[in-house]
Amino acid sequence: MSVVRRATPDDAEELIRLRQVMIDSVFGTGSGTAAANRPDTGWQVGSDTGWQVESLAVVRGKLADPKGDFAAFVIDWPDQPGKLAALVAGTLEYRIGRAGNPRGVIGHVFSVATDPDQRRRGYARACMEVLLDWFRERGAGSVELNASADAEPLYASLGFVRKPDPSMRLTL
């Protein structure tokens, strides 16, 4: 099994590339960029890849802060220096505590992606396990994520359960 490591600012471009792989996978485009805007989801996708350029500096900054509330864990592509095979990213958020999570720290998982040529090797699971350990170390009382149908068995095997979700979204 390949080694899972914490992503660094030097990995930012590859994180963004793999995020696009995840977006394409979730929305079924498979094209490298998603084919149509999806206002129902809040994603600004399509031929507009300007978000990638704008996001790059932000991602580098977040990766440069090892004590911050954002972390990404990756597996390097075998025999291709500088290229990533898999990624998971997550962030911590504080909310006023409640029963079951009195400290109010919640982990959020997003951008779980494996390069299509590197799938079915256990990379996503290995990265998720390290991210879940990071959440535990940081005091998270629960962890949330959105799962595609294809990924749901992985998350269920890690203990995630579906929940009724009254979420709403306002895009600003």
Protein backbone atom coordinates (compact mmCIF):
# COMPACT_ATOMS: atom_id res chain seq x y z
CA MET A 1 0.00 0.00 0.00
CA SER A 2 1.23 3.47 -0.80
CA VAL A 3 1.94 5.94 1.95
CA VAL A 4 -0.69 8.51 2.86
CA ARG A 5 0.82 11.91 3.58
CA ARG A 6 -0.47 15.37 4.41
CA ALA A 7 -0.63 17.59 1.34
CA THR A 8 1.69 20.59 1.10
CA PRO A 9 1.42 23.87 -0.83
CA ASP A 10 3.40 22.21 -3.65
CA ASP A 11 0.44 19.84 -4.13
CA ALA A 12 -2.13 22.61 -4.70
CA GLU A 13 -2.37 22.26 -8.48
CA GLU A 14 -2.83 18.51 -8.22
CA LEU A 15 -5.47 18.95 -5.50
CA ILE A 16 -7.41 21.20 -7.85
CA ARG A 17 -6.97 18.70 -10.71
CA LEU A 18 -8.33 15.90 -8.53
CA ARG A 19 -11.18 18.11 -7.30
CA GLN A 20 -12.21 18.48 -10.95
CA VAL A 21 -12.00 14.68 -11.31
CA MET A 22 -14.39 14.43 -8.34
CA ILE A 23 -16.76 17.03 -9.79
CA ASP A 24 -16.79 15.25 -13.15
CA SER A 25 -17.41 11.92 -11.44
CA VAL A 26 -20.29 13.20 -9.32
CA PHE A 27 -21.98 14.95 -12.23
CA GLY A 28 -21.20 12.22 -14.76
CA THR A 29 -19.35 14.33 -17.30
CA GLY A 30 -16.04 12.46 -17.37
CA SER A 31 -14.57 15.15 -19.59
CA GLY A 32 -12.02 16.89 -17.41
CA THR A 33 -14.41 19.81 -17.05
CA ALA A 34 -18.08 19.44 -16.35
CA ALA A 35 -20.40 20.07 -19.27
CA ALA A 36 -23.11 22.28 -17.84
CA ASN A 37 -23.73 24.70 -14.99
CA ARG A 38 -25.60 23.10 -12.11
CA PRO A 39 -27.36 25.92 -10.24
CA ASP A 40 -29.35 23.31 -8.31
CA THR A 41 -26.17 22.23 -6.54
CA GLY A 42 -24.32 25.50 -6.12
CA TRP A 43 -21.42 24.27 -8.26
CA GLN A 44 -20.22 26.61 -10.94
CA VAL A 45 -19.07 24.08 -13.49
CA GLY A 46 -18.91 23.88 -17.25
CA SER A 47 -16.32 25.31 -19.56
CA ASP A 48 -15.59 27.94 -16.89
CA THR A 49 -12.37 26.80 -15.26
CA GLY A 50 -11.53 30.26 -13.95
CA TRP A 51 -12.39 29.00 -10.48
CA GLN A 52 -9.31 26.78 -10.65
CA VAL A 53 -6.94 29.70 -11.16
CA GLU A 54 -8.62 31.79 -8.49
CA SER A 55 -8.74 28.87 -6.05
CA LEU A 56 -5.06 27.99 -6.42
CA ALA A 57 -3.72 30.75 -4.13
CA VAL A 58 -6.37 30.02 -1.51
CA VAL A 59 -5.59 26.29 -1.53
CA ARG A 60 -1.85 26.97 -1.25
CA GLY A 61 -2.49 29.24 1.73
CA LYS A 62 -4.67 26.68 3.49
CA LEU A 63 -2.10 23.93 2.89
CA ALA A 64 0.65 26.16 4.31
CA ASP A 65 -1.10 26.36 7.69
CA PRO A 66 -0.61 22.98 9.41
CA LYS A 67 -2.46 24.18 12.54
CA GLY A 68 -5.46 25.47 10.60
CA ASP A 69 -8.87 23.89 10.29
CA PHE A 70 -8.27 22.53 6.75
CA ALA A 71 -6.35 19.38 5.88
CA ALA A 72 -5.82 17.31 2.79
CA PHE A 73 -4.27 13.87 2.71
CA VAL A 74 -2.90 12.36 -0.48
CA ILE A 75 -1.20 9.39 -2.06
CA ASP A 76 1.46 10.05 -4.65
CA TRP A 77 1.12 8.51 -8.09
CA PRO A 78 3.56 5.59 -8.27
CA ASP A 79 6.56 6.41 -10.47
CA GLN A 80 5.30 9.89 -11.44
CA PRO A 81 6.84 12.52 -9.14
CA GLY A 82 4.61 15.51 -8.53
CA LYS A 83 1.40 13.73 -9.58
CA LEU A 84 -1.21 12.60 -7.07
CA ALA A 85 -3.14 9.35 -7.30
CA ALA A 86 -5.70 10.14 -4.59
CA LEU A 87 -6.93 12.90 -2.35
CA VAL A 88 -9.25 13.53 0.57
CA ALA A 89 -9.83 16.97 2.02
CA GLY A 90 -11.69 18.09 5.07
CA THR A 91 -12.30 21.00 7.34
CA LEU A 92 -13.35 21.56 10.93
CA GLU A 93 -16.18 23.83 11.94
CA TYR A 94 -17.38 25.01 15.31
CA ARG A 95 -21.04 25.15 16.26
CA ILE A 96 -22.55 25.56 19.70
CA GLY A 97 -22.44 22.13 21.32
CA ARG A 98 -25.37 19.77 21.66
CA ALA A 99 -26.09 16.30 23.00
CA GLY A 100 -23.67 13.88 21.35
CA ASN A 101 -21.21 16.67 20.52
CA PRO A 102 -20.92 18.99 23.53
CA ARG A 103 -17.72 20.65 22.23
CA GLY A 104 -19.45 21.54 18.96
CA VAL A 105 -16.59 20.55 16.65
CA ILE A 106 -17.76 19.00 13.38
CA GLY A 107 -15.62 17.59 10.61
CA HIS A 108 -16.64 17.98 6.99
CA VAL A 109 -15.23 15.71 4.28
CA PHE A 110 -15.14 16.85 0.66
CA SER A 111 -13.12 16.32 -2.50
CA VAL A 112 -12.55 12.61 -2.09
CA ALA A 113 -11.05 11.71 -5.44
CA THR A 114 -8.88 9.06 -7.03
CA ASP A 115 -7.42 9.49 -10.48
CA PRO A 116 -9.39 7.19 -12.81
CA ASP A 117 -6.22 5.27 -13.73
CA GLN A 118 -5.47 4.56 -10.05
CA ARG A 119 -8.87 3.40 -8.77
CA ARG A 120 -9.71 0.12 -7.00
CA ARG A 121 -6.42 0.07 -5.04
CA GLY A 122 -7.72 1.15 -1.63
CA TYR A 123 -6.33 4.68 -1.91
CA ALA A 124 -9.54 6.52 -0.99
CA ARG A 125 -10.05 4.28 2.05
CA ALA A 126 -6.47 4.78 3.23
CA CYS A 127 -6.72 8.56 2.87
CA MET A 128 -10.14 8.63 4.59
CA GLU A 129 -8.81 6.68 7.56
CA VAL A 130 -6.00 9.21 8.04
CA LEU A 131 -8.42 12.15 7.71
CA LEU A 132 -10.78 10.57 10.25
CA ASP A 133 -7.84 10.20 12.66
CA TRP A 134 -7.02 13.90 12.10
CA PHE A 135 -10.63 14.82 12.94
CA ARG A 136 -10.47 12.71 16.13
CA GLU A 137 -7.18 14.32 17.17
CA ARG A 138 -8.71 17.76 16.66
CA GLY A 139 -11.74 16.94 18.85
CA ALA A 140 -14.48 16.49 16.25
CA GLY A 141 -17.60 14.94 17.74
CA SER A 142 -19.04 14.03 14.35
CA VAL A 143 -18.10 14.03 10.67
CA GLU A 144 -20.37 14.88 7.75
CA LEU A 145 -20.06 14.31 4.02
CA ASN A 146 -22.11 14.07 0.87
CA ALA A 147 -21.80 10.71 -0.85
CA SER A 148 -22.34 9.68 -4.43
CA ALA A 149 -24.09 6.34 -4.90
CA ASP A 150 -20.81 4.78 -6.05
CA ALA A 151 -18.95 5.95 -2.93
CA GLU A 152 -21.63 5.14 -0.38
CA PRO A 153 -20.41 1.55 0.30
CA LEU A 154 -16.94 2.87 1.22
CA TYR A 155 -18.36 5.42 3.64
CA ALA A 156 -20.81 2.93 5.13
CA SER A 157 -17.93 0.53 5.77
CA LEU A 158 -16.21 3.33 7.72
CA GLY A 159 -19.33 3.81 9.88
CA PHE A 160 -21.14 6.66 8.10
CA VAL A 161 -24.93 6.43 7.97
CA ARG A 162 -27.48 8.28 5.82
CA LYS A 163 -29.40 10.95 7.64
CA PRO A 164 -32.52 12.90 6.83
CA ASP A 165 -31.17 16.24 5.73
CA PRO A 166 -33.19 19.42 6.01
CA SER A 167 -30.34 21.43 4.47
CA MET A 168 -31.00 24.44 2.32
CA ARG A 169 -28.53 26.58 0.38
CA LEU A 170 -28.25 30.22 -0.62
CA THR A 171 -25.62 31.00 -3.23
CA LEU A 172 -24.17 34.46 -2.69
